[in-house]
C-alpha atoms as a PDB file:
ATOM      1  CA  UNK A   1     233.604 110.327 192.146  1.00  0.00           C
ATOM      2  CA  UNK A   2     234.054 114.484 191.870  1.00  0.00           C
ATOM      3  CA  UNK A   3     233.157 116.553 189.162  1.00  0.00           C
ATOM      4  CA  UNK A   4     235.490 116.884 186.985  1.00  0.00           C
ATOM      5  CA  UNK A   5     234.936 120.230 184.181  1.00  0.00           C
ATOM      6  CA  UNK A   6     236.237 119.288 181.116  1.00  0.00           C
ATOM      7  CA  UNK A   7     236.467 122.942 179.267  1.00  0.00           C
ATOM      8  CA  UNK A   8     238.541 123.701 182.460  1.00  0.00           C
ATOM      9  CA  UNK A   9     240.460 120.285 181.846  1.00  0.00           C
ATOM     10  CA  UNK A  10     241.385 121.776 178.228  1.00  0.00           C
ATOM     11  CA  UNK A  11     241.995 124.708 179.664  1.00  0.00           C
ATOM     12  CA  UNK A  12     238.734 126.480 177.742  1.00  0.00           C
ATOM     13  CA  UNK A  13     234.966 128.165 178.362  1.00  0.00           C
ATOM     14  CA  UNK A  14     231.913 126.853 177.014  1.00  0.00           C
ATOM     15  CA  UNK A  15     232.086 129.444 174.035  1.00  0.00           C
ATOM     16  CA  UNK A  16     234.808 127.018 173.117  1.00  0.00           C
ATOM     17  CA  UNK A  17     234.376 125.954 169.214  1.00  0.00           C
ATOM     18  CA  UNK A  18     234.914 122.610 167.859  1.00  0.00           C
ATOM     19  CA  UNK A  19     238.346 124.232 165.887  1.00  0.00           C
ATOM     20  CA  UNK A  20     239.422 125.686 169.803  1.00  0.00           C
ATOM     21  CA  UNK A  21     238.796 122.041 171.133  1.00  0.00           C
ATOM     22  CA  UNK A  22     240.649 120.389 168.952  1.00  0.00           C
ATOM     23  CA  UNK A  23     243.769 122.246 168.718  1.00  0.00           C
ATOM     24  CA  UNK A  24     243.539 122.074 172.682  1.00  0.00           C
ATOM     25  CA  UNK A  25     243.046 118.905 173.051  1.00  0.00           C
ATOM     26  CA  UNK A  26     246.723 118.023 170.622  1.00  0.00           C
ATOM     27  CA  UNK A  27     247.849 120.391 172.389  1.00  0.00           C
ATOM     28  CA  UNK A  28     247.436 118.533 175.671  1.00  0.00           C
ATOM     29  CA  UNK A  29     247.254 115.379 173.931  1.00  0.00           C
ATOM     30  CA  UNK A  30     250.965 115.736 172.865  1.00  0.00           C
ATOM     31  CA  UNK A  31     252.090 117.127 176.164  1.00  0.00           C
ATOM     32  CA  UNK A  32     251.042 115.163 178.229  1.00  0.00           C
ATOM     33  CA  UNK A  33     251.005 111.444 175.851  1.00  0.00           C
ATOM     34  CA  UNK A  34     252.614 109.150 178.584  1.00  0.00           C
ATOM     35  CA  UNK A  35     255.741 108.648 175.021  1.00  0.00           C
ATOM     36  CA  UNK A  36     256.302 112.110 176.325  1.00  0.00           C
ATOM     37  CA  UNK A  37     256.494 111.283 180.558  1.00  0.00           C
ATOM     38  CA  UNK A  38     256.926 107.335 180.782  1.00  0.00           C
ATOM     39  CA  UNK A  39     256.473 106.308 184.698  1.00  0.00           C
ATOM     40  CA  UNK A  40     254.753 109.686 185.338  1.00  0.00           C
ATOM     41  CA  UNK A  41     251.740 108.811 186.787  1.00  0.00           C
ATOM     42  CA  UNK A  42     250.406 112.448 187.103  1.00  0.00           C
ATOM     43  CA  UNK A  43     250.815 113.280 183.420  1.00  0.00           C
ATOM     44  CA  UNK A  44     249.227 110.104 182.604  1.00  0.00           C
ATOM     45  CA  UNK A  45     245.933 110.198 184.886  1.00  0.00           C
ATOM     46  CA  UNK A  46     245.875 114.266 183.490  1.00  0.00           C
ATOM     47  CA  UNK A  47     246.108 112.374 179.578  1.00  0.00           C
ATOM     48  CA  UNK A  48     243.425 110.277 180.456  1.00  0.00           C
ATOM     49  CA  UNK A  49     241.147 112.993 181.560  1.00  0.00           C
ATOM     50  CA  UNK A  50     242.386 115.547 178.803  1.00  0.00           C
ATOM     51  CA  UNK A  51     241.609 112.568 176.314  1.00  0.00           C
ATOM     52  CA  UNK A  52     237.572 112.168 178.733  1.00  0.00           C
ATOM     53  CA  UNK A  53     237.065 115.799 177.861  1.00  0.00           C
ATOM     54  CA  UNK A  54     238.320 115.838 174.588  1.00  0.00           C
ATOM     55  CA  UNK A  55     235.206 112.547 173.549  1.00  0.00           C
ATOM     56  CA  UNK A  56     232.640 114.726 175.193  1.00  0.00           C
ATOM     57  CA  UNK A  57     232.985 118.036 174.038  1.00  0.00           C
ATOM     58  CA  UNK A  58     232.866 116.897 170.335  1.00  0.00           C
ATOM     59  CA  UNK A  59     230.298 114.707 170.502  1.00  0.00           C
ATOM     60  CA  UNK A  60     227.159 117.675 169.330  1.00  0.00           C
ATOM     61  CA  UNK A  61     225.047 115.725 171.720  1.00  0.00           C
ATOM     62  CA  UNK A  62     227.181 114.483 174.520  1.00  0.00           C
ATOM     63  CA  UNK A  63     228.489 118.472 174.921  1.00  0.00           C
ATOM     64  CA  UNK A  64     224.642 119.167 174.987  1.00  0.00           C
ATOM     65  CA  UNK A  65     223.691 117.157 177.357  1.00  0.00           C
ATOM     66  CA  UNK A  66     226.942 118.458 179.244  1.00  0.00           C
ATOM     67  CA  UNK A  67     225.959 121.749 179.264  1.00  0.00           C
ATOM     68  CA  UNK A  68     221.935 121.070 180.819  1.00  0.00           C
ATOM     69  CA  UNK A  69     223.095 118.863 183.274  1.00  0.00           C
ATOM     70  CA  UNK A  70     225.820 119.803 184.582  1.00  0.00           C
ATOM     71  CA  UNK A  71     227.945 116.457 186.458  1.00  0.00           C
ATOM     72  CA  UNK A  72     224.124 114.068 186.009  1.00  0.00           C
ATOM     73  CA  UNK A  73     224.732 114.644 182.162  1.00  0.00           C
ATOM     74  CA  UNK A  74     225.553 110.364 182.081  1.00  0.00           C
ATOM     75  CA  UNK A  75     221.855 109.714 183.420  1.00  0.00           C
ATOM     76  CA  UNK A  76     220.214 112.618 181.437  1.00  0.00           C
ATOM     77  CA  UNK A  77     219.196 109.706 179.332  1.00  0.00           C
ATOM     78  CA  UNK A  78     217.178 108.827 182.471  1.00  0.00           C
ATOM     79  CA  UNK A  79     215.453 111.805 183.409  1.00  0.00           C
ATOM     80  CA  UNK A  80     214.522 111.909 179.646  1.00  0.00           C
ATOM     81  CA  UNK A  81     212.931 108.676 178.983  1.00  0.00           C
ATOM     82  CA  UNK A  82     211.266 108.871 182.795  1.00  0.00           C
ATOM     83  CA  UNK A  83     209.369 112.077 181.896  1.00  0.00           C
ATOM     84  CA  UNK A  84     206.631 110.382 180.494  1.00  0.00           C
ATOM     85  CA  UNK A  85     206.094 109.236 183.718  1.00  0.00           C
ATOM     86  CA  UNK A  86     206.550 111.600 185.994  1.00  0.00           C
ATOM     87  CA  UNK A  87     204.156 113.809 184.469  1.00  0.00           C
ATOM     88  CA  UNK A  88     201.324 113.801 187.041  1.00  0.00           C
ATOM     89  CA  UNK A  89     203.056 113.573 189.916  1.00  0.00           C
ATOM     90  CA  UNK A  90     205.842 116.611 189.404  1.00  0.00           C
ATOM     91  CA  UNK A  91     207.970 118.341 187.718  1.00  0.00           C
ATOM     92  CA  UNK A  92     212.484 117.888 186.714  1.00  0.00           C
ATOM     93  CA  UNK A  93     214.988 118.978 188.030  1.00  0.00           C
ATOM     94  CA  UNK A  94     217.559 119.306 185.899  1.00  0.00           C
ATOM     95  CA  UNK A  95     220.270 119.456 188.043  1.00  0.00           C
ATOM     96  CA  UNK A  96     219.276 115.325 189.682  1.00  0.00           C
ATOM     97  CA  UNK A  97     216.598 116.369 192.413  1.00  0.00           C
ATOM     98  CA  UNK A  98     213.196 115.401 191.616  1.00  0.00           C
ATOM     99  CA  UNK A  99     209.951 117.244 193.330  1.00  0.00           C
ATOM    100  CA  UNK A 100     207.017 115.268 193.465  1.00  0.00           C
ATOM    101  CA  UNK A 101     204.205 117.432 194.598  1.00  0.00           C
ATOM    102  CA  UNK A 102     202.520 116.358 198.259  1.00  0.00           C
ATOM    103  CA  UNK A 103     205.856 113.544 198.347  1.00  0.00           C
ATOM    104  CA  UNK A 104     208.099 114.546 201.123  1.00  0.00           C
ATOM    105  CA  UNK A 105     210.973 112.804 201.630  1.00  0.00           C
ATOM    106  CA  UNK A 106     211.464 112.125 197.893  1.00  0.00           C
ATOM    107  CA  UNK A 107     213.464 114.254 196.558  1.00  0.00           C
ATOM    108  CA  UNK A 108     217.213 114.116 195.947  1.00  0.00           C
ATOM    109  CA  UNK A 109     219.785 112.591 193.579  1.00  0.00           C
ATOM    110  CA  UNK A 110     219.766 109.206 192.793  1.00  0.00           C
ATOM    111  CA  UNK A 111     222.754 107.161 191.233  1.00  0.00           C
ATOM    112  CA  UNK A 112     222.181 104.787 188.034  1.00  0.00           C
ATOM    113  CA  UNK A 113     221.056 101.418 189.562  1.00  0.00           C
ATOM    114  CA  UNK A 114     218.807 103.769 192.227  1.00  0.00           C
ATOM    115  CA  UNK A 115     217.440 105.711 189.688  1.00  0.00           C
ATOM    116  CA  UNK A 116     215.461 102.948 187.710  1.00  0.00           C
ATOM    117  CA  UNK A 117     214.503 100.788 191.105  1.00  0.00           C
ATOM    118  CA  UNK A 118     212.880 104.064 191.692  1.00  0.00           C
ATOM    119  CA  UNK A 119     211.348 104.693 189.127  1.00  0.00           C
ATOM    120  CA  UNK A 120     209.891 101.364 188.497  1.00  0.00           C
ATOM    121  CA  UNK A 121     208.476 101.094 192.097  1.00  0.00           C
ATOM    122  CA  UNK A 122     206.680 104.314 191.751  1.00  0.00           C
ATOM    123  CA  UNK A 123     205.537 104.228 188.260  1.00  0.00           C
ATOM    124  CA  UNK A 124     205.392 100.549 187.927  1.00  0.00           C
ATOM    125  CA  UNK A 125     201.554  99.733 188.245  1.00  0.00           C
ATOM    126  CA  UNK A 126     200.772 103.081 186.913  1.00  0.00           C
ATOM    127  CA  UNK A 127     202.503 101.663 183.798  1.00  0.00           C
ATOM    128  CA  UNK A 128     202.121  98.804 183.855  1.00  0.00           C
ATOM    129  CA  UNK A 129     199.496  99.030 180.852  1.00  0.00           C
ATOM    130  CA  UNK A 130     202.130  99.246 178.742  1.00  0.00           C
ATOM    131  CA  UNK A 131     204.746  98.017 177.588  1.00  0.00           C
ATOM    132  CA  UNK A 132     208.434  99.873 178.598  1.00  0.00           C
ATOM    133  CA  UNK A 133     210.925  99.632 175.179  1.00  0.00           C
ATOM    134  CA  UNK A 134     214.168  98.029 175.803  1.00  0.00           C
ATOM    135  CA  UNK A 135     216.767 100.945 175.103  1.00  0.00           C
ATOM    136  CA  UNK A 136     219.631  99.915 174.062  1.00  0.00           C
ATOM    137  CA  UNK A 137     221.744 102.298 176.662  1.00  0.00           C
ATOM    138  CA  UNK A 138     224.191 105.014 174.968  1.00  0.00           C
ATOM    139  CA  UNK A 139     227.423 105.205 172.990  1.00  0.00           C
ATOM    140  CA  UNK A 140     230.530 106.238 174.024  1.00  0.00           C
ATOM    141  CA  UNK A 141     233.317 107.858 172.049  1.00  0.00           C
ATOM    142  CA  UNK A 142     236.832 109.074 172.392  1.00  0.00           C
ATOM    143  CA  UNK A 143     240.208 109.646 171.577  1.00  0.00           C
ATOM    144  CA  UNK A 144     243.574 107.477 172.107  1.00  0.00           C
ATOM    145  CA  UNK A 145     247.067 109.038 170.318  1.00  0.00           C
ATOM    146  CA  UNK A 146     249.745 106.648 169.082  1.00  0.00           C
ATOM    147  CA  UNK A 147     252.981 107.855 168.204  1.00  0.00           C
ATOM    148  CA  UNK A 148     253.878 106.206 165.030  1.00  0.00           C
ATOM    149  CA  UNK A 149     255.782 103.606 166.665  1.00  0.00           C
ATOM    150  CA  UNK A 150     253.451 102.413 168.636  1.00  0.00           C
ATOM    151  CA  UNK A 151     250.973 102.063 165.725  1.00  0.00           C
ATOM    152  CA  UNK A 152     254.145 100.138 163.549  1.00  0.00           C
ATOM    153  CA  UNK A 153     253.196  96.980 165.959  1.00  0.00           C
ATOM    154  CA  UNK A 154     250.009  94.862 167.140  1.00  0.00           C
ATOM    155  CA  UNK A 155     249.761  96.195 171.059  1.00  0.00           C
ATOM    156  CA  UNK A 156     247.049  96.215 174.192  1.00  0.00           C
ATOM    157  CA  UNK A 157     246.288  99.532 175.775  1.00  0.00           C
ATOM    158  CA  UNK A 158     244.184 100.475 179.101  1.00  0.00           C
ATOM    159  CA  UNK A 159     242.572 103.807 179.738  1.00  0.00           C
ATOM    160  CA  UNK A 160     239.400 104.868 181.355  1.00  0.00           C
ATOM    161  CA  UNK A 161     236.409 105.804 179.669  1.00  0.00           C
ATOM    162  CA  UNK A 162     233.494 107.532 181.800  1.00  0.00           C
ATOM    163  CA  UNK A 163     235.113 105.956 185.494  1.00  0.00           C
ATOM    164  CA  UNK A 164     235.599 102.863 183.671  1.00  0.00           C
ATOM    165  CA  UNK A 165     239.098 100.931 182.859  1.00  0.00           C
ATOM    166  CA  UNK A 166     239.097  99.607 179.599  1.00  0.00           C
ATOM    167  CA  UNK A 167     242.213  96.951 178.039  1.00  0.00           C
ATOM    168  CA  UNK A 168     241.377  96.481 174.253  1.00  0.00           C
ATOM    169  CA  UNK A 169     243.882  94.869 171.422  1.00  0.00           C
ATOM    170  CA  UNK A 170     244.781  97.604 169.242  1.00  0.00           C
ATOM    171  CA  UNK A 171     245.966  96.189 165.885  1.00  0.00           C
ATOM    172  CA  UNK A 172     249.216  97.315 163.833  1.00  0.00           C
ATOM    173  CA  UNK A 173     248.437  99.890 160.666  1.00  0.00           C
ATOM    174  CA  UNK A 174     245.934 102.205 162.065  1.00  0.00           C
ATOM    175  CA  UNK A 175     246.016 104.600 160.670  1.00  0.00           C
ATOM    176  CA  UNK A 176     244.699 108.446 161.731  1.00  0.00           C
ATOM    177  CA  UNK A 177     241.330 109.588 162.285  1.00  0.00           C
ATOM    178  CA  UNK A 178     240.163 106.216 161.920  1.00  0.00           C
ATOM    179  CA  UNK A 179     237.694 104.730 164.226  1.00  0.00           C
ATOM    180  CA  UNK A 180     237.339 101.014 165.520  1.00  0.00           C
ATOM    181  CA  UNK A 181     233.588  99.953 167.375  1.00  0.00           C
ATOM    182  CA  UNK A 182     233.267  97.586 170.420  1.00  0.00           C
ATOM    183  CA  UNK A 183     230.318  96.457 170.939  1.00  0.00           C
ATOM    184  CA  UNK A 184     229.387  96.638 173.721  1.00  0.00           C
ATOM    185  CA  UNK A 185     231.251  98.833 175.791  1.00  0.00           C
ATOM    186  CA  UNK A 186     229.580 101.663 176.624  1.00  0.00           C
ATOM    187  CA  UNK A 187     227.071 102.543 178.421  1.00  0.00           C
ATOM    188  CA  UNK A 188     224.355  99.828 180.579  1.00  0.00           C
ATOM    189  CA  UNK A 189     220.774 100.319 179.301  1.00  0.00           C
ATOM    190  CA  UNK A 190     218.118 102.152 181.282  1.00  0.00           C
ATOM    191  CA  UNK A 191     216.014  99.520 180.815  1.00  0.00           C
ATOM    192  CA  UNK A 192     217.555  95.938 180.617  1.00  0.00           C
ATOM    193  CA  UNK A 193     218.187  96.388 177.589  1.00  0.00           C
ATOM    194  CA  UNK A 194     221.424  96.057 174.939  1.00  0.00           C
ATOM    195  CA  UNK A 195     224.554  98.206 176.537  1.00  0.00           C
ATOM    196  CA  UNK A 196     225.886 100.975 173.714  1.00  0.00           C
ATOM    197  CA  UNK A 197     228.805 100.789 171.731  1.00  0.00           C
ATOM    198  CA  UNK A 198     232.392 102.575 172.322  1.00  0.00           C
ATOM    199  CA  UNK A 199     233.610 104.326 169.443  1.00  0.00           C
ATOM    200  CA  UNK A 200     237.352 105.109 169.840  1.00  0.00           C
ATOM    201  CA  UNK A 201     239.180 107.426 167.076  1.00  0.00           C
ATOM    202  CA  UNK A 202     243.056 107.147 166.777  1.00  0.00           C
ATOM    203  CA  UNK A 203     245.240 110.457 166.341  1.00  0.00           C
ATOM    204  CA  UNK A 204     248.609 109.316 164.495  1.00  0.00           C
ATOM    205  CA  UNK A 205     250.895 112.390 166.302  1.00  0.00           C
ATOM    206  CA  UNK A 206     253.870 113.206 163.984  1.00  0.00           C
ATOM    207  CA  UNK A 207     256.764 111.321 163.333  1.00  0.00           C
ATOM    208  CA  UNK A 208     260.311 113.592 163.090  1.00  0.00           C
ATOM    209  CA  UNK A 209     261.686 110.847 160.199  1.00  0.00           C
ATOM    210  CA  UNK A 210     258.859 109.303 158.858  1.00  0.00           C
ATOM    211  CA  UNK A 211     256.446 110.734 156.940  1.00  0.00           C
ATOM    212  CA  UNK A 212     253.435 108.311 155.941  1.00  0.00           C
ATOM    213  CA  UNK A 213     250.733 107.617 153.427  1.00  0.00           C
ATOM    214  CA  UNK A 214     248.701 104.355 153.734  1.00  0.00           C
ATOM    215  CA  UNK A 215     250.812 101.732 154.274  1.00  0.00           C
ATOM    216  CA  UNK A 216     253.527 103.733 152.762  1.00  0.00           C
ATOM    217  CA  UNK A 217     256.336 105.564 154.504  1.00  0.00           C
ATOM    218  CA  UNK A 218     259.044 108.418 152.848  1.00  0.00           C
ATOM    219  CA  UNK A 219     262.096 109.428 154.628  1.00  0.00           C
ATOM    220  CA  UNK A 220     264.749 111.243 153.501  1.00  0.00           C
ATOM    221  CA  UNK A 221     268.193 109.376 153.637  1.00  0.00           C
ATOM    222  CA  UNK A 222     271.474 111.888 153.389  1.00  0.00           C
ATOM    223  CA  UNK A 223     275.070 110.540 151.263  1.00  0.00           C
ATOM    224  CA  UNK A 224     277.636 112.634 151.109  1.00  0.00           C
ATOM    225  CA  UNK A 225     279.262 113.682 147.879  1.00  0.00           C
ATOM    226  CA  UNK A 226     282.250 111.183 147.220  1.00  0.00           C
ATOM    227  CA  UNK A 227     279.356 108.577 147.406  1.00  0.00           C
ATOM    228  CA  UNK A 228     277.061 109.961 145.377  1.00  0.00           C
ATOM    229  CA  UNK A 229     279.451 110.377 143.031  1.00  0.00           C
ATOM    230  CA  UNK A 230     281.507 107.248 142.728  1.00  0.00           C
ATOM    231  CA  UNK A 231     278.864 105.220 144.113  1.00  0.00           C
ATOM    232  CA  UNK A 232     278.938 103.011 147.203  1.00  0.00           C
ATOM    233  CA  UNK A 233     276.572 101.319 150.268  1.00  0.00           C
ATOM    234  CA  UNK A 234     274.866 103.326 153.085  1.00  0.00           C
ATOM    235  CA  UNK A 235     272.927 101.652 156.127  1.00  0.00           C
ATOM    236  CA  UNK A 236     269.157 102.210 156.158  1.00  0.00           C
ATOM    237  CA  UNK A 237     267.357 102.793 159.776  1.00  0.00           C
ATOM    238  CA  UNK A 238     264.155 101.294 159.525  1.00  0.00           C
ATOM    239  CA  UNK A 239     261.164 100.113 161.601  1.00  0.00           C
ATOM    240  CA  UNK A 240     262.511  96.981 161.410  1.00  0.00           C
ATOM    241  CA  UNK A 241     266.472  96.787 161.845  1.00  0.00           C
ATOM    242  CA  UNK A 242     269.060  98.522 159.550  1.00  0.00           C
ATOM    243  CA  UNK A 243     268.766  97.851 155.910  1.00  0.00           C
ATOM    244  CA  UNK A 244     272.332  97.950 153.828  1.00  0.00           C
ATOM    245  CA  UNK A 245     271.353  99.484 150.377  1.00  0.00           C
ATOM    246  CA  UNK A 246     273.613 100.255 146.792  1.00  0.00           C
ATOM    247  CA  UNK A 247     274.133 103.858 145.674  1.00  0.00           C
ATOM    248  CA  UNK A 248     274.759 103.672 141.963  1.00  0.00           C
ATOM    249  CA  UNK A 249     277.745 106.172 140.487  1.00  0.00           C
ATOM    250  CA  UNK A 250     276.434 109.554 139.358  1.00  0.00           C
ATOM    251  CA  UNK A 251     273.302 109.401 141.960  1.00  0.00           C
ATOM    252  CA  UNK A 252     271.253 112.880 141.441  1.00  0.00           C
ATOM    253  CA  UNK A 253     270.162 114.709 144.003  1.00  0.00           C
ATOM    254  CA  UNK A 254     266.753 113.851 144.626  1.00  0.00           C
ATOM    255  CA  UNK A 255     266.924 110.035 143.550  1.00  0.00           C
ATOM    256  CA  UNK A 256     264.282 108.132 145.070  1.00  0.00           C
ATOM    257  CA  UNK A 257     264.632 104.136 146.510  1.00  0.00           C
ATOM    258  CA  UNK A 258     261.773 101.911 147.030  1.00  0.00           C
ATOM    259  CA  UNK A 259     262.523  99.503 150.016  1.00  0.00           C
ATOM    260  CA  UNK A 260     259.617  96.977 149.084  1.00  0.00           C
ATOM    261  CA  UNK A 261     258.058  95.503 151.887  1.00  0.00           C
ATOM    262  CA  UNK A 262     259.537  97.684 154.410  1.00  0.00           C
ATOM    263  CA  UNK A 263     256.601 100.618 154.987  1.00  0.00           C
ATOM    264  CA  UNK A 264     253.658 100.225 157.488  1.00  0.00           C
ATOM    265  CA  UNK A 265     252.073  96.795 157.738  1.00  0.00           C
ATOM    266  CA  UNK A 266     248.741  96.753 156.412  1.00  0.00           C
ATOM    267  CA  UNK A 267     245.666  97.059 158.781  1.00  0.00           C
ATOM    268  CA  UNK A 268     244.303  93.285 159.940  1.00  0.00           C
ATOM    269  CA  UNK A 269     245.815  92.162 157.265  1.00  0.00           C
ATOM    270  CA  UNK A 270     249.237  90.169 158.976  1.00  0.00           C
ATOM    271  CA  UNK A 271     252.324  90.002 157.477  1.00  0.00           C
ATOM    272  CA  UNK A 272     251.942  92.031 154.283  1.00  0.00           C
ATOM    273  CA  UNK A 273     253.519  95.808 154.226  1.00  0.00           C
ATOM    274  CA  UNK A 274     253.972  98.684 152.491  1.00  0.00           C
ATOM    275  CA  UNK A 275     257.217  99.901 150.804  1.00  0.00           C
ATOM    276  CA  UNK A 276     259.839 102.250 152.264  1.00  0.00           C
ATOM    277  CA  UNK A 277     260.658 105.290 149.805  1.00  0.00           C
ATOM    278  CA  UNK A 278     264.093 106.733 150.380  1.00  0.00           C
ATOM    279  CA  UNK A 279     264.891 110.349 148.969  1.00  0.00           C
ATOM    280  CA  UNK A 280     268.621 110.693 148.850  1.00  0.00           C
ATOM    281  CA  UNK A 281     269.388 113.754 149.741  1.00  0.00           C
ATOM    282  CA  UNK A 282     273.779 114.960 148.711  1.00  0.00           C
ATOM    283  CA  UNK A 283     275.561 116.759 152.194  1.00  0.00           C
ATOM    284  CA  UNK A 284     277.605 118.938 149.650  1.00  0.00           C
ATOM    285  CA  UNK A 285     281.801 118.807 151.515  1.00  0.00           C
ATOM    286  CA  UNK A 286     282.112 122.299 153.612  1.00  0.00           C
ATOM    287  CA  UNK A 287     285.575 123.967 154.419  1.00  0.00           C
ATOM    288  CA  UNK A 288     287.307 123.029 151.813  1.00  0.00           C
ATOM    289  CA  UNK A 289     290.929 123.702 151.888  1.00  0.00           C
ATOM    290  CA  UNK A 290     293.033 124.508 149.941  1.00  0.00           C
ATOM    291  CA  UNK A 291     294.502 121.077 148.067  1.00  0.00           C
ATOM    292  CA  UNK A 292     290.948 120.475 147.916  1.00  0.00           C
ATOM    293  CA  UNK A 293     289.974 123.762 145.892  1.00  0.00           C
ATOM    294  CA  UNK A 294     292.424 123.534 143.595  1.00  0.00           C
ATOM    295  CA  UNK A 295     291.432 119.706 143.061  1.00  0.00           C
ATOM    296  CA  UNK A 296     288.289 120.812 142.330  1.00  0.00           C
ATOM    297  CA  UNK A 297     289.392 123.167 139.905  1.00  0.00           C
ATOM    298  CA  UNK A 298     291.553 120.929 138.019  1.00  0.00           C
ATOM    299  CA  UNK A 299     288.257 118.546 137.654  1.00  0.00           C
ATOM    300  CA  UNK A 300     285.844 121.307 136.814  1.00  0.00           C
ATOM    301  CA  UNK A 301     288.772 122.196 134.371  1.00  0.00           C
ATOM    302  CA  UNK A 302     288.248 118.497 132.694  1.00  0.00           C
ATOM    303  CA  UNK A 303     284.825 119.457 132.283  1.00  0.00           C
ATOM    304  CA  UNK A 304     285.158 121.830 130.269  1.00  0.00           C
END
């Protein structure tokens, strides 16, 4: 697999702060999100690269390993764990090669599978007096951006973490910043121990119509002056479809109407929803005719 420069993916350099990384990620994630680029495979691939770069560079330990080992950062735990076995035989090259004095031909790069086998063969007999502990594989951390509409329903998503495609089911109602743990979906152990875990943090993208607070949704609905004064009915869009609501006569601007159970689903509580709070905004008429102005003057006179 070709080496991916995560800093270049996000348009940053190595001196970038965590705030710089987060800002660059959010900007690019919105630009290349699949919802914004339907049927665009290049945008989808770019979105996956952006997620992977963010996953590594926002994790302090992973970023440290990436900066130190470059393209071989994923093997850094193995490099470090094998140092104690190789002290008498040679020195470690942080870029993947191992130089053993007096053992020409053993210098080079090794993939993850061959790496453990190679050291087992080299040091197995010397290390037989002490039992190697079974080390857990490295945990992975990833970010996944969803629109509010996507987070409203349970769905399956396929994305790439460190070169591996993973398909997961996301329950309805996940929140912005929420993390879920997928046990055993991380890296393999270097010596036969349990696999690491995968942690996914969700980012819920801003919605132009709805604001969310927990399981409640908020939106503003315009009504005309005449409906506000005399009362009537309006149709309100919700995530579950259109809903007809009654407007009382003499409704004031800014009046709030709570629609029970028409908000956001509660995470992992099937069939349970928050409320939708609708704020009414009265739209004043414009471009009044002379006849309308005269009638309004008459109305104003009656109110004196």
